[in-house]
């Protein structure tokens, strides 16, 4: 059962990374400092006080930047690969007792891929918001993404199987929408 919980923790937190890169890292750090989660060997640094300072600073900067017009869209271009990295790290951090090859393969494909898919989808939503409202509604999109990332991260820590399964559905939905969009633009 611990395998399943670890995988669903990773998937849920990776999905959260697709909305905000640093929010789930900060929440995992706080949960680790509070003794609510155990990180796999080699990832204990994510639960340190120095990581808390880094993740808090990065989260504050990321959230603030998404409220600045033009910067928000520019940030999305670098946030997609960063979300993939964050999703990979968060997935791997909870896969205890897995061989390294399996852990890294699953982390990159499921965690990193899932986070990148969600981030790409949310970036398209922001671009549409910019196109239709000249960026005036982007703060609404940003606020929604902040809230979803924080709530999904906390719920994943508290009820990993339910939110992990919901995250699989969310990633599937974004994958379907993106593939449909790509097919119509050919």
N, C-alpha and C. Protein backbone atom coordinates (compact mmCIF):
# COMPACT_ATOMS: atom_id res chain seq x y z
N UNK A 1 0.82 -1.20 0.00
CA UNK A 1 0.00 0.00 0.00
C UNK A 1 0.86 1.26 0.00
N UNK A 2 2.04 1.17 0.63
CA UNK A 2 2.94 2.32 0.68
C UNK A 2 3.40 2.73 -0.73
N UNK A 3 3.56 1.73 -1.61
CA UNK A 3 3.92 2.03 -3.00
C UNK A 3 2.85 2.89 -3.65
N UNK A 4 1.61 2.48 -3.48
CA UNK A 4 0.48 3.18 -4.09
C UNK A 4 0.37 4.60 -3.56
N UNK A 5 0.49 4.75 -2.24
CA UNK A 5 0.41 6.09 -1.64
C UNK A 5 1.53 6.97 -2.16
N UNK A 6 2.74 6.43 -2.25
CA UNK A 6 3.88 7.20 -2.77
C UNK A 6 3.66 7.64 -4.20
N UNK A 7 3.14 6.76 -5.02
CA UNK A 7 2.88 7.11 -6.42
C UNK A 7 1.80 8.19 -6.52
N UNK A 8 0.71 8.02 -5.76
CA UNK A 8 -0.37 9.02 -5.81
C UNK A 8 0.06 10.35 -5.21
N UNK A 9 0.89 10.32 -4.17
CA UNK A 9 1.46 11.57 -3.65
C UNK A 9 2.24 12.28 -4.75
N UNK A 10 3.08 11.53 -5.44
CA UNK A 10 3.88 12.11 -6.51
C UNK A 10 3.04 12.67 -7.64
N UNK A 11 2.02 11.93 -8.06
CA UNK A 11 1.17 12.39 -9.16
C UNK A 11 0.39 13.64 -8.76
N UNK A 12 -0.18 13.65 -7.56
CA UNK A 12 -0.93 14.81 -7.10
C UNK A 12 -0.07 16.05 -6.98
N UNK A 13 1.12 15.89 -6.43
CA UNK A 13 2.01 17.04 -6.28
C UNK A 13 2.58 17.49 -7.62
N UNK A 14 2.80 16.55 -8.52
CA UNK A 14 3.25 16.92 -9.87
C UNK A 14 2.18 17.73 -10.58
N UNK A 15 0.93 17.31 -10.44
CA UNK A 15 -0.18 18.07 -11.04
C UNK A 15 -0.22 19.48 -10.45
N UNK A 16 0.00 19.60 -9.16
CA UNK A 16 0.04 20.92 -8.51
C UNK A 16 1.14 21.79 -9.10
N UNK A 17 2.27 21.15 -9.44
CA UNK A 17 3.38 21.88 -10.05
C UNK A 17 3.02 22.44 -11.42
N UNK A 18 2.05 21.82 -12.05
CA UNK A 18 1.60 22.33 -13.34
C UNK A 18 0.88 23.66 -13.23
N UNK A 19 0.37 23.97 -12.05
CA UNK A 19 -0.30 25.26 -11.84
C UNK A 19 0.67 26.29 -11.28
N UNK A 20 1.52 25.90 -10.36
CA UNK A 20 2.57 26.75 -9.81
C UNK A 20 3.77 25.87 -9.50
N UNK A 21 4.94 26.31 -9.92
CA UNK A 21 6.15 25.49 -9.77
C UNK A 21 6.55 25.34 -8.30
N UNK A 22 6.55 26.44 -7.55
CA UNK A 22 7.14 26.41 -6.21
C UNK A 22 6.15 26.19 -5.07
N UNK A 23 4.87 26.42 -5.30
CA UNK A 23 3.87 26.23 -4.23
C UNK A 23 3.90 24.80 -3.68
N UNK A 24 3.83 23.76 -4.52
CA UNK A 24 3.87 22.40 -3.96
C UNK A 24 5.19 22.07 -3.27
N UNK A 25 6.29 22.62 -3.77
CA UNK A 25 7.58 22.38 -3.11
C UNK A 25 7.56 22.98 -1.70
N UNK A 26 7.01 24.18 -1.56
CA UNK A 26 6.91 24.81 -0.25
C UNK A 26 5.98 24.01 0.68
N UNK A 27 4.86 23.56 0.16
CA UNK A 27 3.92 22.80 0.99
C UNK A 27 4.52 21.46 1.42
N UNK A 28 5.24 20.79 0.53
CA UNK A 28 5.92 19.54 0.91
C UNK A 28 6.97 19.83 1.97
N UNK A 29 7.69 20.93 1.82
CA UNK A 29 8.70 21.31 2.80
C UNK A 29 8.06 21.52 4.17
N UNK A 30 6.97 22.26 4.22
CA UNK A 30 6.28 22.52 5.49
C UNK A 30 5.75 21.20 6.08
N UNK A 31 5.17 20.35 5.23
CA UNK A 31 4.66 19.06 5.70
C UNK A 31 5.79 18.19 6.25
N UNK A 32 6.95 18.24 5.62
CA UNK A 32 8.09 17.47 6.09
C UNK A 32 8.61 18.02 7.42
N UNK A 33 8.70 19.34 7.52
CA UNK A 33 9.14 19.96 8.78
C UNK A 33 8.17 19.64 9.92
N UNK A 34 6.89 19.52 9.60
CA UNK A 34 5.87 19.20 10.60
C UNK A 34 5.78 17.70 10.89
N UNK A 35 6.57 16.89 10.18
CA UNK A 35 6.56 15.45 10.39
C UNK A 35 5.38 14.73 9.77
N UNK A 36 4.72 15.37 8.81
CA UNK A 36 3.53 14.76 8.18
C UNK A 36 3.89 13.84 7.03
N UNK A 37 5.05 14.03 6.41
CA UNK A 37 5.47 13.20 5.28
C UNK A 37 6.92 12.77 5.48
N UNK A 38 7.26 11.64 4.88
CA UNK A 38 8.63 11.15 4.87
C UNK A 38 9.14 11.18 3.44
N UNK A 39 10.27 11.83 3.26
CA UNK A 39 10.87 11.92 1.93
C UNK A 39 11.82 10.75 1.73
N UNK A 40 11.92 10.28 0.49
CA UNK A 40 12.79 9.16 0.19
C UNK A 40 14.26 9.55 0.38
N UNK A 41 15.10 8.58 0.52
CA UNK A 41 16.53 8.80 0.72
C UNK A 41 17.10 9.66 -0.41
N UNK A 42 17.87 10.64 -0.05
CA UNK A 42 18.47 11.55 -1.02
C UNK A 42 17.64 12.81 -1.24
N UNK A 43 16.42 12.82 -0.73
CA UNK A 43 15.55 13.99 -0.90
C UNK A 43 15.20 14.64 0.43
N UNK A 44 15.94 14.29 1.47
CA UNK A 44 15.69 14.88 2.78
C UNK A 44 15.92 16.39 2.78
N UNK A 45 16.78 16.87 1.88
CA UNK A 45 17.06 18.30 1.78
C UNK A 45 15.79 19.12 1.53
N UNK A 46 14.79 18.49 0.89
CA UNK A 46 13.55 19.20 0.62
C UNK A 46 12.79 19.53 1.90
N UNK A 47 13.13 18.89 2.99
CA UNK A 47 12.47 19.13 4.26
C UNK A 47 13.32 19.92 5.24
N UNK A 48 14.32 20.65 4.75
CA UNK A 48 15.21 21.41 5.63
C UNK A 48 14.75 22.87 5.77
N UNK A 49 15.28 23.54 6.80
CA UNK A 49 14.95 24.95 7.00
C UNK A 49 15.54 25.83 5.91
N UNK A 50 16.70 25.47 5.40
CA UNK A 50 17.28 26.26 4.30
C UNK A 50 16.42 26.12 3.04
N UNK A 51 15.88 24.93 2.80
CA UNK A 51 14.97 24.75 1.66
C UNK A 51 13.69 25.55 1.88
N UNK A 52 13.25 25.65 3.14
CA UNK A 52 12.07 26.47 3.46
C UNK A 52 12.29 27.91 3.02
N UNK A 53 13.46 28.46 3.35
CA UNK A 53 13.76 29.85 2.98
C UNK A 53 13.78 30.02 1.46
N UNK A 54 14.39 29.07 0.76
CA UNK A 54 14.47 29.14 -0.70
C UNK A 54 13.08 29.00 -1.32
N UNK A 55 12.32 28.00 -0.89
CA UNK A 55 10.99 27.76 -1.47
C UNK A 55 10.02 28.90 -1.15
N UNK A 56 10.11 29.47 0.05
CA UNK A 56 9.24 30.59 0.41
C UNK A 56 9.55 31.81 -0.46
N UNK A 57 10.83 32.10 -0.64
CA UNK A 57 11.24 33.22 -1.49
C UNK A 57 10.81 33.00 -2.93
N UNK A 58 11.05 31.80 -3.45
CA UNK A 58 10.69 31.49 -4.84
C UNK A 58 9.18 31.52 -5.04
N UNK A 59 8.42 31.01 -4.07
CA UNK A 59 6.96 31.02 -4.16
C UNK A 59 6.43 32.44 -4.17
N UNK A 60 6.95 33.28 -3.28
CA UNK A 60 6.52 34.68 -3.22
C UNK A 60 6.82 35.40 -4.53
N UNK A 61 8.02 35.19 -5.06
CA UNK A 61 8.40 35.83 -6.34
C UNK A 61 7.53 35.32 -7.48
N UNK A 62 7.28 34.02 -7.52
CA UNK A 62 6.47 33.45 -8.59
C UNK A 62 5.04 33.98 -8.54
N UNK A 63 4.44 33.98 -7.37
CA UNK A 63 3.07 34.47 -7.24
C UNK A 63 2.99 35.94 -7.62
N UNK A 64 3.93 36.74 -7.14
CA UNK A 64 3.94 38.17 -7.46
C UNK A 64 4.11 38.43 -8.95
N UNK A 65 4.98 37.67 -9.58
CA UNK A 65 5.27 37.88 -11.01
C UNK A 65 4.05 37.61 -11.89
N UNK A 66 3.20 36.70 -11.46
CA UNK A 66 2.02 36.39 -12.27
C UNK A 66 0.96 37.49 -12.24
N UNK A 67 1.15 38.49 -11.39
CA UNK A 67 0.22 39.63 -11.37
C UNK A 67 0.74 40.82 -12.16
N UNK A 68 1.88 40.67 -12.80
CA UNK A 68 2.45 41.75 -13.61
C UNK A 68 2.18 41.46 -15.08
N UNK A 69 1.41 42.35 -15.75
CA UNK A 69 1.12 42.13 -17.17
C UNK A 69 2.40 41.97 -17.99
N UNK A 70 2.35 41.19 -19.02
CA UNK A 70 3.44 40.85 -19.93
C UNK A 70 4.41 39.87 -19.26
N UNK A 71 4.80 40.15 -18.02
CA UNK A 71 5.70 39.25 -17.30
C UNK A 71 5.04 37.88 -17.12
N UNK A 72 3.72 37.88 -16.87
CA UNK A 72 3.02 36.61 -16.65
C UNK A 72 3.14 35.68 -17.85
N UNK A 73 2.96 36.21 -19.05
CA UNK A 73 3.09 35.37 -20.25
C UNK A 73 4.53 34.96 -20.49
N UNK A 74 5.47 35.86 -20.24
CA UNK A 74 6.88 35.53 -20.40
C UNK A 74 7.29 34.45 -19.40
N UNK A 75 6.77 34.56 -18.19
CA UNK A 75 7.09 33.57 -17.16
C UNK A 75 6.60 32.18 -17.54
N UNK A 76 5.48 32.11 -18.24
CA UNK A 76 4.97 30.81 -18.67
C UNK A 76 5.95 30.06 -19.57
N UNK A 77 6.73 30.78 -20.36
CA UNK A 77 7.67 30.10 -21.26
C UNK A 77 8.77 29.37 -20.50
N UNK A 78 9.22 29.94 -19.38
CA UNK A 78 10.23 29.22 -18.59
C UNK A 78 9.59 28.32 -17.55
N UNK A 79 8.33 28.59 -17.22
CA UNK A 79 7.66 27.78 -16.19
C UNK A 79 7.32 26.38 -16.67
N UNK A 80 7.16 26.19 -17.98
CA UNK A 80 6.83 24.84 -18.48
C UNK A 80 7.97 23.86 -18.18
N UNK A 81 9.22 24.15 -18.56
CA UNK A 81 10.29 23.21 -18.19
C UNK A 81 10.53 23.15 -16.68
N UNK A 82 10.35 24.28 -15.99
CA UNK A 82 10.52 24.27 -14.53
C UNK A 82 9.45 23.40 -13.86
N UNK A 83 8.23 23.45 -14.38
CA UNK A 83 7.16 22.60 -13.85
C UNK A 83 7.50 21.12 -14.05
N UNK A 84 8.08 20.80 -15.20
CA UNK A 84 8.48 19.41 -15.47
C UNK A 84 9.55 18.96 -14.47
N UNK A 85 10.50 19.83 -14.19
CA UNK A 85 11.55 19.50 -13.21
C UNK A 85 10.95 19.35 -11.82
N UNK A 86 10.11 20.30 -11.43
CA UNK A 86 9.46 20.25 -10.12
C UNK A 86 8.59 18.99 -9.99
N UNK A 87 7.82 18.69 -11.02
CA UNK A 87 6.97 17.50 -11.01
C UNK A 87 7.78 16.22 -10.89
N UNK A 88 8.91 16.19 -11.58
CA UNK A 88 9.80 15.02 -11.50
C UNK A 88 10.33 14.86 -10.09
N UNK A 89 10.87 15.95 -9.52
CA UNK A 89 11.44 15.88 -8.17
C UNK A 89 10.39 15.48 -7.13
N UNK A 90 9.21 16.09 -7.23
CA UNK A 90 8.16 15.77 -6.26
C UNK A 90 7.68 14.33 -6.39
N UNK A 91 7.63 13.82 -7.60
CA UNK A 91 7.23 12.41 -7.79
C UNK A 91 8.26 11.47 -7.18
N UNK A 92 9.51 11.73 -7.47
CA UNK A 92 10.58 10.85 -7.00
C UNK A 92 10.74 10.92 -5.48
N UNK A 93 10.48 12.08 -4.90
CA UNK A 93 10.69 12.28 -3.47
C UNK A 93 9.83 11.37 -2.60
N UNK A 94 8.76 10.82 -3.16
CA UNK A 94 7.85 9.98 -2.37
C UNK A 94 7.86 8.51 -2.80
N UNK A 95 8.68 8.16 -3.75
CA UNK A 95 8.73 6.77 -4.22
C UNK A 95 9.78 6.00 -3.42
N UNK A 96 9.44 5.73 -2.18
CA UNK A 96 10.35 4.97 -1.33
C UNK A 96 10.31 3.50 -1.74
N UNK A 97 11.38 2.82 -1.52
CA UNK A 97 11.50 1.38 -1.79
C UNK A 97 11.40 1.00 -3.26
N UNK A 98 11.50 1.95 -4.14
CA UNK A 98 11.54 1.65 -5.57
C UNK A 98 13.00 1.63 -6.01
N UNK A 99 13.37 0.75 -6.92
CA UNK A 99 14.73 0.81 -7.47
C UNK A 99 14.93 2.16 -8.18
N UNK A 100 16.14 2.71 -8.14
CA UNK A 100 16.38 4.03 -8.74
C UNK A 100 15.94 4.14 -10.20
N UNK A 101 16.16 3.10 -10.99
CA UNK A 101 15.78 3.14 -12.41
C UNK A 101 14.27 3.32 -12.56
N UNK A 102 13.50 2.58 -11.78
CA UNK A 102 12.03 2.67 -11.83
C UNK A 102 11.58 4.04 -11.32
N UNK A 103 12.17 4.46 -10.21
CA UNK A 103 11.80 5.74 -9.60
C UNK A 103 12.02 6.91 -10.56
N UNK A 104 13.20 6.97 -11.17
CA UNK A 104 13.50 8.07 -12.09
C UNK A 104 12.67 7.99 -13.37
N UNK A 105 12.47 6.80 -13.89
CA UNK A 105 11.66 6.65 -15.11
C UNK A 105 10.23 7.10 -14.86
N UNK A 106 9.62 6.61 -13.78
CA UNK A 106 8.26 7.03 -13.45
C UNK A 106 8.19 8.52 -13.14
N UNK A 107 9.19 9.01 -12.41
CA UNK A 107 9.21 10.43 -12.05
C UNK A 107 9.26 11.34 -13.26
N UNK A 108 10.11 11.00 -14.21
CA UNK A 108 10.25 11.84 -15.41
C UNK A 108 9.00 11.75 -16.28
N UNK A 109 8.54 10.53 -16.53
CA UNK A 109 7.40 10.36 -17.44
C UNK A 109 6.09 10.84 -16.80
N UNK A 110 5.78 10.31 -15.63
CA UNK A 110 4.50 10.63 -15.01
C UNK A 110 4.53 11.99 -14.32
N UNK A 111 5.51 12.21 -13.47
CA UNK A 111 5.58 13.47 -12.73
C UNK A 111 5.92 14.66 -13.60
N UNK A 112 7.05 14.57 -14.28
CA UNK A 112 7.47 15.68 -15.14
C UNK A 112 6.55 15.88 -16.32
N UNK A 113 6.16 14.79 -16.95
CA UNK A 113 5.24 14.89 -18.10
C UNK A 113 3.89 15.43 -17.70
N UNK A 114 3.35 14.95 -16.59
CA UNK A 114 2.05 15.43 -16.11
C UNK A 114 2.08 16.91 -15.78
N UNK A 115 3.12 17.34 -15.08
CA UNK A 115 3.24 18.76 -14.72
C UNK A 115 3.37 19.63 -15.97
N UNK A 116 4.17 19.18 -16.94
CA UNK A 116 4.35 19.95 -18.18
C UNK A 116 3.05 20.04 -18.97
N UNK A 117 2.28 18.97 -18.99
CA UNK A 117 0.99 18.99 -19.71
C UNK A 117 0.04 20.01 -19.08
N UNK A 118 -0.07 19.98 -17.75
CA UNK A 118 -0.97 20.92 -17.08
C UNK A 118 -0.47 22.35 -17.25
N UNK A 119 0.83 22.57 -17.13
CA UNK A 119 1.38 23.92 -17.29
C UNK A 119 1.15 24.44 -18.70
N UNK A 120 1.31 23.59 -19.69
CA UNK A 120 1.05 24.00 -21.08
C UNK A 120 -0.41 24.39 -21.25
N UNK A 121 -1.31 23.59 -20.70
CA UNK A 121 -2.73 23.92 -20.78
C UNK A 121 -3.07 25.23 -20.10
N UNK A 122 -2.52 25.45 -18.91
CA UNK A 122 -2.81 26.70 -18.20
C UNK A 122 -2.17 27.89 -18.90
N UNK A 123 -1.04 27.68 -19.57
CA UNK A 123 -0.42 28.76 -20.35
C UNK A 123 -1.30 29.16 -21.53
N UNK A 124 -1.93 28.19 -22.15
CA UNK A 124 -2.84 28.48 -23.26
C UNK A 124 -4.05 29.27 -22.76
N UNK A 125 -4.54 28.92 -21.58
CA UNK A 125 -5.66 29.68 -20.99
C UNK A 125 -5.24 31.14 -20.78
N UNK A 126 -4.03 31.36 -20.26
CA UNK A 126 -3.54 32.72 -20.03
C UNK A 126 -3.38 33.47 -21.35
N UNK A 127 -2.86 32.81 -22.37
CA UNK A 127 -2.72 33.46 -23.68
C UNK A 127 -4.08 33.86 -24.25
N UNK A 128 -5.08 32.99 -24.08
CA UNK A 128 -6.43 33.34 -24.55
C UNK A 128 -6.98 34.51 -23.75
N UNK A 129 -6.73 34.51 -22.45
CA UNK A 129 -7.17 35.62 -21.62
C UNK A 129 -6.52 36.93 -22.07
N UNK A 130 -5.24 36.86 -22.39
CA UNK A 130 -4.53 38.04 -22.89
C UNK A 130 -5.12 38.50 -24.21
N UNK A 131 -5.40 37.56 -25.10
CA UNK A 131 -5.94 37.90 -26.42
C UNK A 131 -7.34 38.51 -26.34
N UNK A 132 -8.18 37.95 -25.48
CA UNK A 132 -9.58 38.41 -25.42
C UNK A 132 -9.80 39.62 -24.51
N UNK A 133 -8.92 39.80 -23.51
CA UNK A 133 -9.14 40.90 -22.55
C UNK A 133 -7.96 41.87 -22.49
N UNK A 134 -7.00 41.73 -23.39
CA UNK A 134 -5.78 42.55 -23.38
C UNK A 134 -5.03 42.40 -22.04
N UNK A 135 -5.19 41.26 -21.41
CA UNK A 135 -4.48 40.98 -20.17
C UNK A 135 -5.20 41.43 -18.91
N UNK A 136 -6.32 42.12 -19.04
CA UNK A 136 -7.03 42.62 -17.86
C UNK A 136 -7.61 41.51 -16.98
N UNK A 137 -7.88 40.36 -17.54
CA UNK A 137 -8.44 39.26 -16.75
C UNK A 137 -7.37 38.25 -16.32
N UNK A 138 -6.12 38.50 -16.67
CA UNK A 138 -5.06 37.54 -16.33
C UNK A 138 -4.90 37.35 -14.82
N UNK A 139 -5.19 38.38 -14.05
CA UNK A 139 -5.08 38.24 -12.60
C UNK A 139 -6.08 37.21 -12.07
N UNK A 140 -7.22 37.09 -12.74
CA UNK A 140 -8.21 36.09 -12.33
C UNK A 140 -7.66 34.68 -12.59
N UNK A 141 -7.06 34.50 -13.76
CA UNK A 141 -6.44 33.21 -14.11
C UNK A 141 -5.33 32.89 -13.11
N UNK A 142 -4.49 33.89 -12.81
CA UNK A 142 -3.37 33.69 -11.88
C UNK A 142 -3.87 33.31 -10.49
N UNK A 143 -4.89 34.01 -10.01
CA UNK A 143 -5.43 33.71 -8.68
C UNK A 143 -6.01 32.29 -8.63
N UNK A 144 -6.73 31.92 -9.67
CA UNK A 144 -7.29 30.57 -9.75
C UNK A 144 -6.17 29.53 -9.70
N UNK A 145 -5.10 29.75 -10.47
CA UNK A 145 -3.98 28.80 -10.49
C UNK A 145 -3.30 28.71 -9.13
N UNK A 146 -3.11 29.85 -8.45
CA UNK A 146 -2.50 29.82 -7.11
C UNK A 146 -3.33 28.98 -6.16
N UNK A 147 -4.63 29.23 -6.17
CA UNK A 147 -5.53 28.52 -5.26
C UNK A 147 -5.55 27.03 -5.56
N UNK A 148 -5.67 26.67 -6.84
CA UNK A 148 -5.71 25.25 -7.21
C UNK A 148 -4.41 24.56 -6.80
N UNK A 149 -3.28 25.20 -7.05
CA UNK A 149 -2.00 24.59 -6.69
C UNK A 149 -1.89 24.36 -5.19
N UNK A 150 -2.26 25.36 -4.40
CA UNK A 150 -2.16 25.24 -2.94
C UNK A 150 -3.14 24.19 -2.41
N UNK A 151 -4.39 24.27 -2.84
CA UNK A 151 -5.41 23.33 -2.34
C UNK A 151 -5.09 21.90 -2.77
N UNK A 152 -4.71 21.71 -4.03
CA UNK A 152 -4.38 20.37 -4.51
C UNK A 152 -3.16 19.81 -3.76
N UNK A 153 -2.18 20.66 -3.48
CA UNK A 153 -1.00 20.20 -2.74
C UNK A 153 -1.36 19.76 -1.33
N UNK A 154 -2.14 20.58 -0.63
CA UNK A 154 -2.53 20.24 0.74
C UNK A 154 -3.39 18.98 0.76
N UNK A 155 -4.37 18.91 -0.13
CA UNK A 155 -5.23 17.73 -0.18
C UNK A 155 -4.44 16.47 -0.54
N UNK A 156 -3.44 16.62 -1.39
CA UNK A 156 -2.61 15.46 -1.76
C UNK A 156 -1.85 14.94 -0.55
N UNK A 157 -1.37 15.84 0.28
CA UNK A 157 -0.68 15.42 1.51
C UNK A 157 -1.66 14.71 2.45
N UNK A 158 -2.88 15.24 2.56
CA UNK A 158 -3.85 14.71 3.51
C UNK A 158 -4.57 13.46 3.02
N UNK A 159 -4.98 13.44 1.75
CA UNK A 159 -5.70 12.29 1.18
C UNK A 159 -5.10 11.94 -0.19
N UNK A 160 -3.92 11.33 -0.18
CA UNK A 160 -3.17 11.13 -1.43
C UNK A 160 -3.85 10.26 -2.48
N UNK A 161 -4.55 9.23 -2.08
CA UNK A 161 -5.14 8.33 -3.08
C UNK A 161 -6.26 9.03 -3.84
N UNK A 162 -7.11 9.74 -3.12
CA UNK A 162 -8.23 10.44 -3.77
C UNK A 162 -7.71 11.54 -4.69
N UNK A 163 -6.81 12.39 -4.18
CA UNK A 163 -6.32 13.49 -5.01
C UNK A 163 -5.37 12.99 -6.10
N UNK A 164 -4.66 11.92 -5.83
CA UNK A 164 -3.81 11.35 -6.88
C UNK A 164 -4.64 10.85 -8.04
N UNK A 165 -5.74 10.18 -7.73
CA UNK A 165 -6.64 9.70 -8.78
C UNK A 165 -7.27 10.88 -9.52
N UNK A 166 -7.70 11.90 -8.77
CA UNK A 166 -8.27 13.10 -9.40
C UNK A 166 -7.23 13.79 -10.29
N UNK A 167 -5.98 13.76 -9.87
CA UNK A 167 -4.90 14.37 -10.66
C UNK A 167 -4.66 13.60 -11.96
N UNK A 168 -4.78 12.28 -11.90
CA UNK A 168 -4.66 11.48 -13.13
C UNK A 168 -5.75 11.89 -14.11
N UNK A 169 -6.97 12.07 -13.61
CA UNK A 169 -8.07 12.53 -14.47
C UNK A 169 -7.81 13.93 -15.02
N UNK A 170 -7.26 14.80 -14.19
CA UNK A 170 -6.95 16.16 -14.61
C UNK A 170 -5.88 16.17 -15.70
N UNK A 171 -4.84 15.39 -15.51
CA UNK A 171 -3.78 15.29 -16.52
C UNK A 171 -4.34 14.70 -17.81
N UNK A 172 -5.19 13.69 -17.68
CA UNK A 172 -5.84 13.10 -18.86
C UNK A 172 -6.69 14.12 -19.60
N UNK A 173 -7.43 14.93 -18.86
CA UNK A 173 -8.27 15.97 -19.47
C UNK A 173 -7.41 16.97 -20.24
N UNK A 174 -6.35 17.47 -19.60
CA UNK A 174 -5.47 18.43 -20.27
C UNK A 174 -4.80 17.79 -21.48
N UNK A 175 -4.40 16.52 -21.38
CA UNK A 175 -3.79 15.82 -22.52
C UNK A 175 -4.76 15.73 -23.68
N UNK A 176 -6.00 15.37 -23.39
CA UNK A 176 -7.03 15.27 -24.42
C UNK A 176 -7.26 16.62 -25.08
N UNK A 177 -7.40 17.67 -24.29
CA UNK A 177 -7.64 19.02 -24.83
C UNK A 177 -6.46 19.49 -25.68
N UNK A 178 -5.24 19.25 -25.21
CA UNK A 178 -4.07 19.68 -25.97
C UNK A 178 -3.92 18.90 -27.27
N UNK A 179 -4.16 17.59 -27.23
CA UNK A 179 -4.04 16.80 -28.46
C UNK A 179 -5.12 17.19 -29.45
N UNK A 180 -6.30 17.49 -28.96
CA UNK A 180 -7.39 17.94 -29.83
C UNK A 180 -7.03 19.28 -30.48
N UNK A 181 -6.44 20.17 -29.70
CA UNK A 181 -6.03 21.48 -30.21
C UNK A 181 -4.93 21.33 -31.27
N UNK A 182 -3.99 20.44 -31.02
CA UNK A 182 -2.92 20.21 -31.99
C UNK A 182 -3.45 19.63 -33.30
N UNK A 183 -4.42 18.72 -33.20
CA UNK A 183 -5.00 18.13 -34.40
C UNK A 183 -5.77 19.15 -35.23
N UNK A 184 -6.43 20.09 -34.59
CA UNK A 184 -7.22 21.08 -35.34
C UNK A 184 -6.35 22.15 -35.98
N UNK A 185 -5.12 22.32 -35.50
CA UNK A 185 -4.22 23.33 -36.06
C UNK A 185 -3.33 22.79 -37.17
N UNK A 186 -3.48 21.56 -37.54
CA UNK A 186 -2.63 20.98 -38.60
C UNK A 186 -3.19 21.23 -39.95
